[in-house]
Amino acid sequence: MEIDYFVGLTRRWPVLDVLRAGPLDRRDLQERVGVSRPTIHRQLRALRDAGLVTKRDGTFGLTPAGELAATEFSRMFDVMDTVSALSQVALLLPVAEFDFEFDRLRHAEVTLPRHNDPFAPTRQMLRIIHGADHIRMVTYTFLPEGDPAARRCFVEEGQSFEGVLDSTLVRSLLEDPASAAHLRELLTRGAEISIAPEPVPIILTIADEQVIIGAVDDDGSPRGLIVTDDEVIRAWAEETVDDSLVGADQLTPGAIDTRVVATDGGG
């Protein structure tokens, strides 16, 4: 395919996309695409010459080739939207830990901070976690640290939770009486929480069938959330949690009390 032909189709894709819903006359098509009359006339002529659009009984519709082009261009633009979002967080992701090809994220859902909602990634993570029955997690931070809502992201009534936390995260939680009390409550409910023997390089959660990968900047602020149900990535995530459990120190309510005393400087 010549590059000029491809670029031309890219410019005219809105016409193909609108016609996916069914034939339209020129005036309706012009209004839905949002272009001038001369522009829609030129685009329709080019698409008819390319064999992608046909005119019948005063309306324009897609040919079989046009339907194929509209579908594939739609898929391409969806992927490019994901690529654009991933490019904004790629340097913050622990790609070295990914035992899968990066292109498996091409159909992932990426949530980025917005001007009017800087904690959009956190809110999306909490929505997914609170709707799940089974949660497994490996992390070195919560998003955002100190937010009371973040302390609820472990588990709610009726949910099962298995988490491996970085030792520095556990230490910071124990320094806050409310967080320490919350950890103790979770453990008494049956949650399984362990301290990783080595620094944790990733923010990873498995919520039922979905895998959640978080990205934060050097200040710990949420910069993005990646959600996927890709089977290969899910297998990698399960293996990552399993590997993190090896040698991890499992917490108990009694261990929480002991560590709080030590954190407070007690004997």
Protein backbone atom coordinates (compact mmCIF):
# COMPACT_ATOMS: atom_id res chain seq x y z
CA MET A 1 0.00 0.00 0.00
CA GLU A 2 1.35 3.41 -0.94
CA ILE A 3 1.80 5.83 1.94
CA ASP A 4 -0.28 8.51 0.20
CA TYR A 5 -3.19 6.07 -0.10
CA PHE A 6 -2.92 5.15 3.58
CA VAL A 7 -2.76 8.79 4.68
CA GLY A 8 -5.77 9.57 2.50
CA LEU A 9 -7.78 6.78 4.11
CA THR A 10 -6.77 8.02 7.56
CA ARG A 11 -8.15 11.48 6.75
CA ARG A 12 -11.38 9.99 5.40
CA TRP A 13 -11.83 7.37 8.14
CA PRO A 14 -14.52 9.44 9.97
CA VAL A 15 -16.77 8.98 6.93
CA LEU A 16 -16.21 5.23 6.95
CA ASP A 17 -16.77 5.10 10.70
CA VAL A 18 -20.09 6.97 10.53
CA LEU A 19 -21.31 4.73 7.70
CA ARG A 20 -20.68 1.62 9.80
CA ALA A 21 -24.09 2.24 11.39
CA GLY A 22 -25.82 2.18 7.99
CA PRO A 23 -26.36 4.21 4.79
CA LEU A 24 -26.93 7.96 4.98
CA ASP A 25 -27.70 10.70 2.51
CA ARG A 26 -25.06 13.36 1.89
CA ARG A 27 -26.60 15.99 4.17
CA ASP A 28 -26.90 13.67 7.20
CA LEU A 29 -23.42 12.33 6.58
CA GLN A 30 -21.99 15.84 6.36
CA GLU A 31 -23.61 16.81 9.67
CA ARG A 32 -22.40 13.71 11.51
CA VAL A 33 -18.84 13.98 10.23
CA GLY A 34 -18.81 17.71 10.88
CA VAL A 35 -17.22 18.97 7.67
CA SER A 36 -18.22 21.39 4.93
CA ARG A 37 -20.25 20.42 1.87
CA PRO A 38 -17.28 20.66 -0.54
CA THR A 39 -15.16 18.54 1.81
CA ILE A 40 -17.73 15.76 2.18
CA HIS A 41 -18.20 15.81 -1.59
CA ARG A 42 -14.45 15.33 -2.17
CA GLN A 43 -14.17 12.62 0.45
CA LEU A 44 -17.14 10.66 -0.90
CA ARG A 45 -15.83 10.89 -4.44
CA ALA A 46 -12.41 9.59 -3.33
CA LEU A 47 -13.95 6.76 -1.32
CA ARG A 48 -16.22 5.76 -4.21
CA ASP A 49 -13.25 5.78 -6.58
CA ALA A 50 -11.41 3.53 -4.11
CA GLY A 51 -14.29 1.05 -4.08
CA LEU A 52 -15.05 1.58 -0.39
CA VAL A 53 -18.32 3.52 -0.66
CA THR A 54 -21.24 3.12 -3.00
CA LYS A 55 -24.27 5.31 -3.73
CA ARG A 56 -27.70 3.82 -4.11
CA ASP A 57 -31.13 5.47 -4.07
CA GLY A 58 -29.62 8.76 -2.92
CA THR A 59 -27.79 7.33 0.06
CA PHE A 60 -24.18 6.37 0.61
CA GLY A 61 -23.15 3.05 2.13
CA LEU A 62 -20.09 0.90 2.62
CA THR A 63 -19.06 -1.77 0.18
CA PRO A 64 -17.75 -5.06 1.67
CA ALA A 65 -14.23 -3.66 1.26
CA GLY A 66 -15.35 -0.45 2.92
CA GLU A 67 -16.77 -2.36 5.90
CA LEU A 68 -13.46 -4.18 6.28
CA ALA A 69 -11.50 -0.93 6.05
CA ALA A 70 -13.75 0.79 8.62
CA THR A 71 -13.41 -2.09 11.07
CA GLU A 72 -9.64 -2.37 10.75
CA PHE A 73 -9.08 1.37 10.96
CA SER A 74 -11.24 1.45 14.10
CA ARG A 75 -9.07 -1.26 15.66
CA MET A 76 -5.92 0.58 14.65
CA PHE A 77 -7.08 3.84 16.21
CA ASP A 78 -8.09 2.04 19.40
CA VAL A 79 -4.59 0.54 19.64
CA MET A 80 -2.96 3.89 18.89
CA ASP A 81 -4.98 5.50 21.69
CA THR A 82 -3.60 2.85 24.04
CA VAL A 83 -0.07 3.34 22.70
CA SER A 84 -0.36 7.09 23.25
CA ALA A 85 -1.44 6.54 26.86
CA LEU A 86 1.23 3.90 27.49
CA SER A 87 3.92 6.22 26.14
CA GLN A 88 3.13 8.64 28.98
CA VAL A 89 3.91 6.03 31.66
CA ALA A 90 6.31 3.64 29.93
CA LEU A 91 9.42 5.08 31.60
CA LEU A 92 7.79 4.66 35.03
CA LEU A 93 6.97 0.98 34.52
CA PRO A 94 9.27 -1.82 35.72
CA VAL A 95 9.51 -3.27 32.22
CA ALA A 96 12.48 -5.40 33.27
CA GLU A 97 10.06 -7.35 35.47
CA PHE A 98 7.69 -8.08 32.58
CA ASP A 99 8.08 -11.65 31.41
CA PHE A 100 5.84 -11.00 28.43
CA GLU A 101 6.03 -9.03 25.20
CA PHE A 102 5.12 -5.39 25.72
CA ASP A 103 2.76 -5.47 22.75
CA ARG A 104 0.41 -7.66 24.77
CA LEU A 105 -0.65 -4.41 26.44
CA ARG A 106 -2.03 -3.05 23.16
CA HIS A 107 -5.61 -3.78 24.22
CA ALA A 108 -5.17 -2.75 27.85
CA GLU A 109 -7.22 -0.02 29.50
CA VAL A 110 -4.96 2.84 30.60
CA THR A 111 -6.16 5.44 33.10
CA LEU A 112 -4.12 8.63 33.38
CA PRO A 113 -4.45 11.56 35.81
CA ARG A 114 -6.68 14.33 34.56
CA HIS A 115 -6.48 18.02 35.26
CA ASN A 116 -9.71 17.90 37.25
CA ASP A 117 -9.03 14.45 38.73
CA PRO A 118 -5.33 13.87 39.50
CA PHE A 119 -6.19 10.67 41.39
CA ALA A 120 -8.17 9.08 38.54
CA PRO A 121 -5.80 6.04 38.49
CA THR A 122 -6.39 5.50 42.21
CA ARG A 123 -10.15 5.77 41.87
CA GLN A 124 -10.16 3.27 39.02
CA MET A 125 -8.03 0.84 41.04
CA LEU A 126 -10.37 1.07 44.02
CA ARG A 127 -13.44 0.53 41.80
CA ILE A 128 -11.95 -2.65 40.37
CA ILE A 129 -10.71 -4.00 43.69
CA HIS A 130 -13.95 -3.31 45.52
CA GLY A 131 -15.85 -5.22 42.83
CA ALA A 132 -13.64 -8.31 42.99
CA ASP A 133 -14.04 -11.49 45.05
CA HIS A 134 -10.38 -12.53 45.11
CA ILE A 135 -7.44 -10.14 45.33
CA ARG A 136 -3.71 -10.87 45.15
CA MET A 137 -1.23 -8.00 45.40
CA VAL A 138 2.49 -7.21 45.35
CA THR A 139 3.32 -3.57 46.00
CA TYR A 140 5.68 -1.05 47.52
CA THR A 141 3.16 1.80 47.81
CA PHE A 142 -0.51 2.67 47.93
CA LEU A 143 -2.01 5.33 45.70
CA PRO A 144 -2.02 7.96 47.04
CA GLU A 145 -0.18 7.30 50.31
CA GLY A 146 -2.10 8.62 53.30
CA ASP A 147 -5.48 8.75 51.56
CA PRO A 148 -8.03 7.01 53.84
CA ALA A 149 -9.59 5.42 50.75
CA ALA A 150 -6.29 3.71 50.00
CA ARG A 151 -6.43 1.90 53.32
CA ARG A 152 -9.72 0.34 52.23
CA CYS A 153 -8.25 -1.09 49.04
CA PHE A 154 -7.09 -4.29 50.71
CA VAL A 155 -10.34 -6.11 51.27
CA GLU A 156 -13.95 -5.63 52.19
CA GLU A 157 -16.38 -8.02 53.83
CA GLY A 158 -16.59 -11.27 51.87
CA GLN A 159 -13.45 -10.70 49.83
CA SER A 160 -10.29 -12.77 50.04
CA PHE A 161 -6.94 -11.01 50.05
CA GLU A 162 -3.37 -12.20 49.69
CA GLY A 163 -0.72 -9.49 49.64
CA VAL A 164 3.04 -9.20 49.67
CA LEU A 165 4.18 -5.76 50.80
CA ASP A 166 7.56 -4.10 50.65
CA SER A 167 9.16 -3.81 54.08
CA THR A 168 9.38 -0.01 53.84
CA LEU A 169 5.66 0.16 53.12
CA VAL A 170 4.88 -2.00 56.15
CA ARG A 171 7.10 0.20 58.29
CA SER A 172 5.26 3.34 57.15
CA LEU A 173 1.89 1.72 57.79
CA LEU A 174 2.90 0.72 61.31
CA GLU A 175 3.99 4.27 62.06
CA ASP A 176 0.37 5.36 61.54
CA PRO A 177 -1.90 4.03 64.34
CA ALA A 178 -4.97 3.97 62.07
CA SER A 179 -3.14 2.00 59.38
CA ALA A 180 -1.69 -0.41 61.92
CA ALA A 181 -5.15 -1.01 63.34
CA HIS A 182 -6.48 -1.60 59.84
CA LEU A 183 -3.78 -4.19 59.14
CA ARG A 184 -4.67 -5.98 62.35
CA GLU A 185 -8.36 -5.94 61.43
CA LEU A 186 -7.64 -7.39 57.99
CA LEU A 187 -5.58 -10.20 59.48
CA THR A 188 -8.32 -11.11 61.94
CA ARG A 189 -10.75 -11.29 58.99
CA GLY A 190 -8.55 -13.89 57.33
CA ALA A 191 -6.47 -11.77 54.97
CA GLU A 192 -2.98 -13.10 54.29
CA ILE A 193 -0.36 -10.33 54.38
CA SER A 194 3.36 -10.95 54.11
CA ILE A 195 6.50 -8.82 54.08
CA ALA A 196 8.72 -9.34 51.05
CA PRO A 197 12.30 -10.43 51.87
CA GLU A 198 13.68 -8.11 49.19
CA PRO A 199 12.64 -4.68 47.83
CA VAL A 200 9.49 -4.90 45.71
CA PRO A 201 9.94 -3.23 42.30
CA ILE A 202 6.33 -3.27 41.11
CA ILE A 203 2.77 -2.24 41.91
CA LEU A 204 0.79 -5.30 40.83
CA THR A 205 -2.71 -6.48 41.68
CA ILE A 206 -4.80 -9.38 40.44
CA ALA A 207 -8.50 -8.75 40.97
CA ASP A 208 -10.40 -11.84 39.84
CA GLU A 209 -9.56 -12.09 36.12
CA GLN A 210 -8.04 -8.62 35.76
CA VAL A 211 -4.41 -7.62 36.17
CA ILE A 212 -3.66 -4.11 37.41
CA ILE A 213 -0.23 -2.50 37.02
CA GLY A 214 0.37 0.88 38.64
CA ALA A 215 2.84 3.60 37.71
CA VAL A 216 3.99 6.32 40.11
CA ASP A 217 6.57 9.07 39.82
CA ASP A 218 9.53 9.67 42.15
CA ASP A 219 7.27 11.55 44.57
CA GLY A 220 4.87 8.62 44.81
CA SER A 221 2.11 10.38 42.89
CA PRO A 222 -0.06 8.17 40.64
CA ARG A 223 0.82 8.64 36.98
CA GLY A 224 -1.13 5.81 35.40
CA LEU A 225 -3.01 2.56 35.85
CA ILE A 226 -2.94 -0.30 33.35
CA VAL A 227 -5.72 -2.90 33.43
CA THR A 228 -5.79 -6.00 31.25
CA ASP A 229 -7.38 -9.44 31.13
CA ASP A 230 -4.75 -10.83 28.75
CA GLU A 231 -4.21 -14.52 29.62
CA VAL A 232 -0.43 -14.41 29.18
CA ILE A 233 -0.11 -11.35 31.41
CA ARG A 234 -2.44 -12.96 33.95
CA ALA A 235 -0.20 -16.05 34.09
CA TRP A 236 2.86 -13.82 34.58
CA ALA A 237 1.10 -11.89 37.34
CA GLU A 238 0.14 -15.06 39.22
CA GLU A 239 3.71 -16.33 38.96
CA THR A 240 5.03 -12.96 40.16
CA VAL A 241 2.86 -13.11 43.28
CA ASP A 242 3.86 -16.74 43.91
CA ASP A 243 7.55 -15.89 43.57
CA SER A 244 7.16 -12.93 45.91
CA LEU A 245 5.70 -15.19 48.58
CA VAL A 246 8.84 -17.33 48.66
CA GLY A 247 10.73 -16.41 51.82
CA ALA A 248 8.19 -13.73 52.77
CA ASP A 249 7.48 -13.13 56.45
CA GLN A 250 3.78 -13.63 57.06
CA LEU A 251 2.18 -11.13 59.41
CA THR A 252 -0.11 -12.09 62.28
CA PRO A 253 -2.10 -9.84 64.61
CA GLY A 254 0.47 -10.57 67.30
CA ALA A 255 3.32 -9.70 64.97
CA ILE A 256 1.59 -6.39 64.18
CA ASP A 257 1.47 -5.52 67.90
CA THR A 258 5.13 -6.43 68.34
CA ARG A 259 6.23 -4.42 65.32
CA VAL A 260 4.19 -1.40 66.41
CA VAL A 261 5.97 -1.45 69.78
CA ALA A 262 9.32 -1.67 68.00
CA THR A 263 8.38 1.16 65.66
CA ASP A 264 7.36 3.31 68.62
CA GLY A 265 10.70 2.61 70.23
CA GLY A 266 9.29 0.46 73.00
CA GLY A 267 11.17 -2.38 74.57
